[in-house]
Amino acid sequence: MMKKSVPNRPLRAAIALALGLALTTGILSGCSKAPSNPNPGSAGSNSSGQVSGDDFEAKVDAWKPDLKTITIRVSNAAGGTADLKYRLVAKNIQDTTGTTAVVQNITGSNGFLMATDLLSYDPSPSELMVGTEALFAVAPLFNADINVSLDDYEILFGSPSSSPSVLAVPSTLGVKTWEEFVSYAANNRIIMSSSAPGGMTHIQGTALMGSAGISFDSVTDSGANKNILACLNGDANCVLANTSALHDYVESGQMIPLVQFNKTTFDDPTWGLDPIPSVAEVGYPDIAVEPCSILCCRKGADPVGVEAMRRIILDYLSSEQGIAEMAEIGLTSNEISGEEAYQRLMAEIDTFKMIKDKFY
C-alpha cells in the first residue's frame, strides 16, 4: 500500500486512558442521577441551528447548564470511534462550563436501548445522545418491536462519517480488487464475517453480495475488531468493517480493502492509505449511502440551552485543538446543520427500506 501522511495513530490508547481518568468522577456521579426537569425558554431555535433576536443571543451567551451532570450517550462500546470522539467533546464541555460532562456507553439493539434511556429523562440540553442510521433506519425495519422516530429529537448538528463500512479480504487470499473477488467467488465458497443478522454490516454485506449475485455464508460477532480477527484466523475469507478498525491491518499488509459503501471514492486524509472505490463506482449505486450521525436531545428542550450547547461543541470541533485531537483518533470533523443531517438520515432510511424489500 502506498502511504500518505497520517497522524500518529498509536496515541489513541493514551488519549483514551487520559480521558478516562479525567472523567472518572463524572462517570460515577452520572450513573445515579435522577431525571431532569425541563427548563423551557421564551425564544426558539431549529434543527438547522438558526436563531434570532438580541434577547435570545444574550440568553445564549449567559446560559449555564441546567443539570449537575451533562450526559452524552453513545451506543458503541468504550474505545470505539464515537466513544473516543465524544470523550474529547465531554472534556471540552467540562472545561468550558465547569459542569461535569460524561460519556455513557449504552450498547445493544442498534442504539434502541440508548434511545430508551434518553426518553426516560425530561427534555434537556444536558441530556444528549449520538444517533446513527443503525438506530433510525435499521433497528425499526428489522425489529417490529422497536419504535423510534427522528421527529422525537432535536438535532444539534450532524457529523458525516469519515469511517465507512468496507469489504476487505486477507492478503493471503490473493485478491486485490472487487473484480477479482467476483471472479474468485464464482469458483469458491464465500464466508463473510460481519455483525449479526439485522446489524449494520451484515445488512450492507447482504445487499452487496445480493447485487453481485454471490452466495455466501456468515460468521458473526458484535464488534468490528472481532470480525476482522475471525477473518484473519481463517473462519471467514472476507469481512465487513469500518475503515477505523481496518486501518492498522491494511497498513501492515494483512488486509486488502476492496470496496466501501460511500457514494464516492474514499480518500479521507486520516485514512492515509490508497483510496477505496465506492459501491456506486463498481456498479451498485442503489446501495450506496452517506452515513451521518447526529448529536441530539429530546424535542422540547430549552432552546436557549440547545443553542448554547451546539455552539460550545462546534466551536471546539472547529478549533485548532479540536481538529488536532480528532485527527489523533483518525477522524476529520466536518459537521453539518441539523436540517441537512435530517435529510441525509431520511435518505438512508429509504435506502435500507429498499435493501430490506429486495434482499431479505
Protein backbone atom coordinates (compact mmCIF):
# COMPACT_ATOMS: atom_id res chain seq x y z
CA MET A 1 0.00 0.00 0.00
CA MET A 2 1.19 3.48 -0.85
CA LYS A 3 1.16 5.66 2.26
CA LYS A 4 0.26 9.29 2.66
CA SER A 5 0.91 11.45 5.68
CA VAL A 6 -1.16 10.11 8.57
CA PRO A 7 -1.49 11.18 12.23
CA ASN A 8 0.28 9.25 14.96
CA ARG A 9 -2.42 6.64 15.50
CA PRO A 10 -0.74 4.77 18.41
CA LEU A 11 -1.63 7.77 20.60
CA ARG A 12 -5.25 6.55 20.65
CA ALA A 13 -4.71 4.31 23.66
CA ALA A 14 -3.03 7.12 25.58
CA ILE A 15 -5.84 9.52 24.71
CA ALA A 16 -8.48 7.04 25.84
CA LEU A 17 -6.67 6.43 29.14
CA ALA A 18 -6.19 10.12 29.85
CA LEU A 19 -9.81 10.92 29.10
CA GLY A 20 -10.98 8.01 31.20
CA LEU A 21 -9.02 9.29 34.19
CA ALA A 22 -10.18 12.87 33.68
CA LEU A 23 -13.82 11.87 33.53
CA THR A 24 -13.92 9.10 36.16
CA THR A 25 -15.53 11.30 38.80
CA GLY A 26 -18.18 12.47 36.36
CA ILE A 27 -18.99 8.96 35.21
CA LEU A 28 -19.57 7.79 38.76
CA SER A 29 -21.86 10.69 39.53
CA GLY A 30 -23.68 10.38 36.20
CA CYS A 31 -24.73 6.80 36.84
CA SER A 32 -27.00 7.67 39.76
CA LYS A 33 -28.67 10.88 38.70
CA ALA A 34 -32.42 11.42 38.71
CA PRO A 35 -34.44 12.50 35.66
CA SER A 36 -34.07 16.16 34.82
CA ASN A 37 -36.66 18.90 34.87
CA PRO A 38 -37.37 20.79 31.66
CA ASN A 39 -36.28 24.40 31.55
CA PRO A 40 -38.37 25.96 28.75
CA GLY A 41 -37.12 29.16 27.17
CA SER A 42 -39.05 32.00 25.62
CA ALA A 43 -37.25 32.06 22.27
CA GLY A 44 -36.96 29.39 19.62
CA SER A 45 -34.27 27.61 17.68
CA ASN A 46 -34.50 24.95 14.99
CA SER A 47 -32.56 21.89 13.86
CA SER A 48 -30.57 23.94 11.36
CA GLY A 49 -29.06 25.93 14.23
CA GLN A 50 -30.57 29.29 13.23
CA VAL A 51 -31.64 31.69 15.97
CA SER A 52 -32.90 35.24 16.07
CA GLY A 53 -33.31 38.19 18.40
CA ASP A 54 -30.89 40.17 20.55
CA ASP A 55 -32.59 38.94 23.70
CA PHE A 56 -32.13 35.34 22.61
CA GLU A 57 -28.45 35.94 21.85
CA ALA A 58 -27.92 37.46 25.29
CA LYS A 59 -29.56 34.44 26.94
CA VAL A 60 -27.37 32.04 24.92
CA ASP A 61 -24.24 33.92 25.96
CA ALA A 62 -25.29 33.81 29.62
CA TRP A 63 -26.54 30.20 29.64
CA LYS A 64 -25.39 27.79 32.31
CA PRO A 65 -26.08 24.02 32.29
CA ASP A 66 -29.39 23.15 33.90
CA LEU A 67 -28.11 19.94 35.50
CA LYS A 68 -25.17 19.00 37.69
CA THR A 69 -24.01 16.47 35.09
CA ILE A 70 -24.09 16.66 31.29
CA THR A 71 -24.51 13.18 29.80
CA ILE A 72 -23.68 12.17 26.22
CA ARG A 73 -24.96 8.69 25.39
CA VAL A 74 -23.27 6.60 22.70
CA SER A 75 -24.38 3.18 21.51
CA ASN A 76 -20.82 1.96 20.90
CA ALA A 77 -18.60 0.21 23.39
CA ALA A 78 -15.79 2.08 25.14
CA GLY A 79 -12.79 2.59 22.88
CA GLY A 80 -14.81 2.88 19.66
CA THR A 81 -14.64 5.87 17.34
CA ALA A 82 -17.78 7.60 18.64
CA ASP A 83 -16.78 6.90 22.24
CA LEU A 84 -13.33 8.46 21.79
CA LYS A 85 -14.71 11.46 19.91
CA TYR A 86 -17.32 12.32 22.49
CA ARG A 87 -14.99 11.79 25.43
CA LEU A 88 -12.89 14.56 23.93
CA VAL A 89 -16.04 16.63 23.43
CA ALA A 90 -17.18 15.93 27.00
CA LYS A 91 -13.81 17.01 28.40
CA ASN A 92 -14.04 20.28 26.46
CA ILE A 93 -17.62 20.91 27.66
CA GLN A 94 -16.46 20.29 31.22
CA ASP A 95 -13.51 22.66 30.81
CA THR A 96 -15.74 25.32 29.20
CA THR A 97 -18.76 25.21 31.51
CA GLY A 98 -17.27 23.95 34.77
CA THR A 99 -20.01 21.29 34.84
CA THR A 100 -19.19 17.58 34.95
CA ALA A 101 -19.67 16.03 31.49
CA VAL A 102 -19.60 12.28 30.89
CA VAL A 103 -19.97 9.75 28.12
CA GLN A 104 -22.33 6.90 28.90
CA ASN A 105 -21.96 3.74 26.79
CA ILE A 106 -25.33 2.02 26.31
CA THR A 107 -24.93 -0.78 23.78
CA GLY A 108 -27.49 -3.12 22.27
CA SER A 109 -30.37 -3.21 19.76
CA ASN A 110 -28.66 -0.86 17.29
CA GLY A 111 -28.95 2.02 19.77
CA PHE A 112 -32.54 1.46 20.84
CA LEU A 113 -31.57 0.85 24.48
CA MET A 114 -29.67 4.15 24.42
CA ALA A 115 -32.67 6.00 22.94
CA THR A 116 -34.99 4.43 25.51
CA ASP A 117 -32.74 5.67 28.30
CA LEU A 118 -32.74 9.21 26.91
CA LEU A 119 -36.53 9.21 26.60
CA SER A 120 -36.82 8.30 30.28
CA TYR A 121 -35.47 11.79 31.15
CA ASP A 122 -37.21 15.11 30.72
CA PRO A 123 -36.06 17.15 27.69
CA SER A 124 -32.82 18.97 28.49
CA PRO A 125 -29.77 20.21 26.56
CA SER A 126 -27.71 18.44 29.22
CA GLU A 127 -29.22 15.04 28.31
CA LEU A 128 -27.79 14.10 24.89
CA MET A 129 -27.24 11.09 22.66
CA VAL A 130 -25.39 10.24 19.44
CA GLY A 131 -27.86 8.70 17.00
CA THR A 132 -27.00 6.88 13.77
CA GLU A 133 -28.68 5.25 10.80
CA ALA A 134 -28.41 1.98 12.75
CA LEU A 135 -30.94 3.40 15.23
CA PHE A 136 -33.26 5.30 12.94
CA ALA A 137 -33.06 3.28 9.70
CA VAL A 138 -32.01 -0.26 10.63
CA ALA A 139 -33.49 -1.02 14.05
CA PRO A 140 -37.15 -0.22 13.24
CA LEU A 141 -37.02 -2.01 9.87
CA PHE A 142 -35.66 -5.30 11.17
CA ASN A 143 -37.40 -5.45 14.54
CA ALA A 144 -41.13 -4.83 14.71
CA ASP A 145 -40.93 -4.23 18.47
CA ILE A 146 -38.68 -1.20 18.06
CA ASN A 147 -40.49 2.09 17.59
CA VAL A 148 -38.21 5.10 17.19
CA SER A 149 -38.69 8.29 15.20
CA LEU A 150 -36.38 11.15 14.26
CA ASP A 151 -39.24 13.52 15.00
CA ASP A 152 -38.88 12.87 18.74
CA TYR A 153 -35.45 14.53 18.82
CA GLU A 154 -33.91 17.97 18.46
CA ILE A 155 -30.77 17.69 16.32
CA LEU A 156 -27.91 19.93 17.40
CA PHE A 157 -25.78 19.03 14.37
CA GLY A 158 -24.77 16.16 12.11
CA SER A 159 -21.40 14.50 11.64
CA PRO A 160 -20.89 12.86 8.24
CA SER A 161 -18.99 9.63 8.74
CA SER A 162 -15.30 9.62 7.90
CA SER A 163 -15.15 5.86 8.54
CA PRO A 164 -17.42 3.97 6.10
CA SER A 165 -18.04 0.23 6.02
CA VAL A 166 -15.59 -1.67 3.80
CA LEU A 167 -15.50 -5.15 2.30
CA ALA A 168 -11.95 -6.39 2.86
CA VAL A 169 -10.11 -9.69 2.40
CA PRO A 170 -6.96 -11.15 3.96
CA SER A 171 -3.91 -10.60 1.77
CA THR A 172 -3.32 -14.36 1.76
CA LEU A 173 -6.44 -14.76 -0.41
CA GLY A 174 -4.57 -13.33 -3.38
CA VAL A 175 -7.42 -10.96 -4.29
CA LYS A 176 -6.71 -7.24 -4.71
CA THR A 177 -9.79 -5.74 -6.40
CA TRP A 178 -13.56 -6.11 -6.34
CA GLU A 179 -13.49 -7.56 -9.87
CA GLU A 180 -11.00 -10.22 -8.76
CA PHE A 181 -13.22 -11.02 -5.78
CA VAL A 182 -16.24 -11.58 -8.04
CA SER A 183 -14.16 -13.96 -10.16
CA TYR A 184 -12.92 -15.73 -7.04
CA ALA A 185 -16.48 -16.09 -5.72
CA ALA A 186 -17.57 -17.83 -8.92
CA ASN A 187 -15.44 -20.85 -8.01
CA ASN A 188 -15.06 -20.68 -4.24
CA ARG A 189 -17.25 -20.63 -1.14
CA ILE A 190 -17.61 -17.14 0.35
CA ILE A 191 -17.82 -16.78 4.12
CA MET A 192 -18.36 -13.23 5.31
CA SER A 193 -17.55 -12.01 8.81
CA SER A 194 -19.82 -9.21 9.99
CA SER A 195 -22.28 -8.09 12.64
CA ALA A 196 -25.19 -10.39 13.43
CA PRO A 197 -28.19 -10.51 11.05
CA GLY A 198 -30.06 -7.24 11.43
CA GLY A 199 -26.81 -5.42 12.24
CA MET A 200 -25.43 -2.70 10.00
CA THR A 201 -22.53 -4.51 8.33
CA HIS A 202 -24.48 -7.74 7.84
CA ILE A 203 -27.21 -5.80 6.06
CA GLN A 204 -24.70 -3.98 3.86
CA GLY A 205 -22.86 -7.21 3.07
CA THR A 206 -26.11 -8.93 2.17
CA ALA A 207 -27.01 -6.06 -0.17
CA LEU A 208 -23.58 -6.11 -1.84
CA MET A 209 -23.42 -9.87 -2.31
CA GLY A 210 -27.03 -9.94 -3.48
CA SER A 211 -26.39 -7.17 -6.00
CA ALA A 212 -23.43 -9.13 -7.40
CA GLY A 213 -25.29 -12.47 -7.38
CA ILE A 214 -22.81 -14.01 -4.90
CA SER A 215 -23.98 -16.71 -2.50
CA PHE A 216 -22.36 -16.52 0.92
CA ASP A 217 -22.36 -17.87 4.45
CA SER A 218 -21.83 -15.79 7.57
CA VAL A 219 -19.68 -15.70 10.67
CA THR A 220 -20.99 -13.02 13.00
CA ASP A 221 -19.93 -11.14 16.11
CA SER A 222 -20.77 -7.85 17.79
CA GLY A 223 -17.52 -5.95 17.19
CA ALA A 224 -15.56 -4.91 14.10
CA ASN A 225 -12.22 -5.97 15.58
CA LYS A 226 -13.57 -9.41 16.43
CA ASN A 227 -14.91 -9.75 12.89
CA ILE A 228 -11.54 -8.81 11.40
CA LEU A 229 -9.72 -11.33 13.60
CA ALA A 230 -12.21 -14.04 12.60
CA CYS A 231 -11.29 -13.34 9.00
CA LEU A 232 -7.54 -13.38 9.67
CA ASN A 233 -7.87 -16.60 11.66
CA GLY A 234 -9.44 -18.38 8.70
CA ASP A 235 -13.03 -18.57 9.94
CA ALA A 236 -14.07 -16.33 7.02
CA ASN A 237 -12.49 -15.15 3.78
CA CYS A 238 -13.91 -11.61 3.74
CA VAL A 239 -15.08 -9.10 6.33
CA LEU A 240 -17.32 -6.03 6.57
CA ALA A 241 -15.82 -3.48 8.96
CA ASN A 242 -15.27 0.28 9.12
CA THR A 243 -12.08 1.96 8.00
CA SER A 244 -11.09 2.97 11.54
CA ALA A 245 -11.00 -0.66 12.65
CA LEU A 246 -9.32 -1.83 9.44
CA HIS A 247 -6.64 0.85 9.14
CA ASP A 248 -3.78 -0.79 11.02
CA TYR A 249 -4.40 -4.18 9.39
CA VAL A 250 -4.37 -2.58 5.95
CA GLU A 251 -1.29 -0.52 6.75
CA SER A 252 0.56 -3.66 7.88
CA GLY A 253 -0.43 -5.51 4.71
CA GLN A 254 -2.62 -8.12 6.44
CA MET A 255 -5.90 -6.95 4.89
CA ILE A 256 -6.84 -5.65 1.43
CA PRO A 257 -9.85 -3.26 1.18
CA LEU A 258 -11.90 -3.85 -1.97
CA VAL A 259 -14.93 -1.57 -1.90
CA GLN A 260 -16.77 0.73 0.55
CA PHE A 261 -20.34 1.95 0.90
CA ASN A 262 -19.99 5.72 0.49
CA LYS A 263 -21.29 7.24 -2.74
CA THR A 264 -17.81 8.35 -3.86
CA THR A 265 -14.20 7.20 -3.60
CA PHE A 266 -12.96 7.13 0.00
CA ASP A 267 -9.75 9.14 0.31
CA ASP A 268 -10.04 10.83 3.70
CA PRO A 269 -6.80 12.45 4.97
CA THR A 270 -6.93 10.48 8.21
CA TRP A 271 -7.04 7.21 6.23
CA GLY A 272 -3.63 7.98 4.76
CA LEU A 273 -3.55 4.89 2.52
CA ASP A 274 -4.64 4.06 -1.03
CA PRO A 275 -8.17 5.28 -1.97
CA ILE A 276 -11.04 2.76 -1.81
CA PRO A 277 -13.66 2.72 -4.59
CA SER A 278 -17.34 3.01 -3.70
CA VAL A 279 -20.09 0.52 -4.38
CA ALA A 280 -21.52 3.10 -6.78
CA GLU A 281 -18.30 3.06 -8.78
CA VAL A 282 -18.36 -0.73 -9.18
CA GLY A 283 -21.94 -0.72 -10.40
CA TYR A 284 -24.28 -0.67 -7.38
CA PRO A 285 -25.34 2.95 -6.71
CA ASP A 286 -28.66 1.91 -5.13
CA ILE A 287 -26.95 0.55 -2.02
CA ALA A 288 -24.54 3.48 -1.55
CA VAL A 289 -25.17 5.71 1.47
CA GLU A 290 -23.88 8.91 3.04
CA PRO A 291 -23.66 7.91 6.71
CA CYS A 292 -24.24 10.68 9.21
CA SER A 293 -24.51 10.52 12.98
CA ILE A 294 -26.37 13.19 14.90
CA LEU A 295 -25.94 14.73 18.32
CA CYS A 296 -29.41 15.28 19.68
CA CYS A 297 -31.56 15.77 22.74
CA ARG A 298 -35.25 15.22 23.32
CA LYS A 299 -37.61 17.50 21.44
CA GLY A 300 -38.92 20.21 23.76
CA ALA A 301 -35.62 21.03 25.48
CA ASP A 302 -34.85 24.65 26.37
CA PRO A 303 -33.96 26.28 23.00
CA VAL A 304 -31.51 28.66 24.69
CA GLY A 305 -29.60 25.75 26.20
CA VAL A 306 -29.76 23.75 22.97
CA GLU A 307 -28.21 26.62 21.01
CA ALA A 308 -25.59 27.27 23.69
CA MET A 309 -24.59 23.60 23.78
CA ARG A 310 -24.46 23.49 19.99
CA ARG A 311 -22.08 26.44 19.88
CA ILE A 312 -19.83 25.15 22.67
CA ILE A 313 -19.29 21.82 20.89
CA LEU A 314 -18.99 23.18 17.34
CA ASP A 315 -16.56 25.87 18.48
CA TYR A 316 -14.35 23.14 19.92
CA LEU A 317 -14.59 20.83 16.89
CA SER A 318 -13.67 23.65 14.50
CA SER A 319 -10.79 24.93 16.67
CA GLU A 320 -7.14 24.03 16.06
CA GLN A 321 -7.17 21.96 19.24
CA GLY A 322 -10.34 20.10 18.25
CA ILE A 323 -9.13 19.39 14.72
CA ALA A 324 -5.80 18.08 16.01
CA GLU A 325 -7.39 15.90 18.70
CA MET A 326 -9.89 14.44 16.22
CA ALA A 327 -7.03 13.64 13.82
CA GLU A 328 -5.25 11.74 16.59
CA ILE A 329 -8.16 9.29 16.76
CA GLY A 330 -8.46 9.06 12.97
CA LEU A 331 -11.37 11.46 12.43
CA THR A 332 -11.94 14.51 10.27
CA SER A 333 -14.59 16.84 11.68
CA ASN A 334 -16.88 18.29 9.04
CA GLU A 335 -20.11 18.96 10.90
CA ILE A 336 -23.31 19.89 9.06
CA SER A 337 -26.56 21.52 10.12
CA GLY A 338 -29.29 19.57 11.84
CA GLU A 339 -31.58 20.07 8.85
CA GLU A 340 -29.04 18.63 6.41
CA ALA A 341 -28.37 15.73 8.77
CA TYR A 342 -32.10 15.06 8.99
CA GLN A 343 -32.37 14.90 5.20
CA ARG A 344 -29.40 12.53 4.97
CA LEU A 345 -30.87 10.19 7.56
CA MET A 346 -34.24 10.19 5.81
CA ALA A 347 -32.47 9.24 2.56
CA GLU A 348 -30.69 6.41 4.38
CA ILE A 349 -34.00 5.19 5.77
CA ASP A 350 -35.31 4.94 2.18
CA THR A 351 -32.17 3.06 1.09
CA PHE A 352 -32.46 0.50 3.86
CA LYS A 353 -36.16 0.02 3.17
CA MET A 354 -35.19 -0.86 -0.41
CA ILE A 355 -32.49 -3.25 0.80
CA LYS A 356 -34.90 -5.00 3.12
CA ASP A 357 -37.56 -5.36 0.43
CA LYS A 358 -35.11 -6.58 -2.23
CA PHE A 359 -32.65 -8.76 -0.37
CA TYR A 360 -34.50 -10.10 2.70
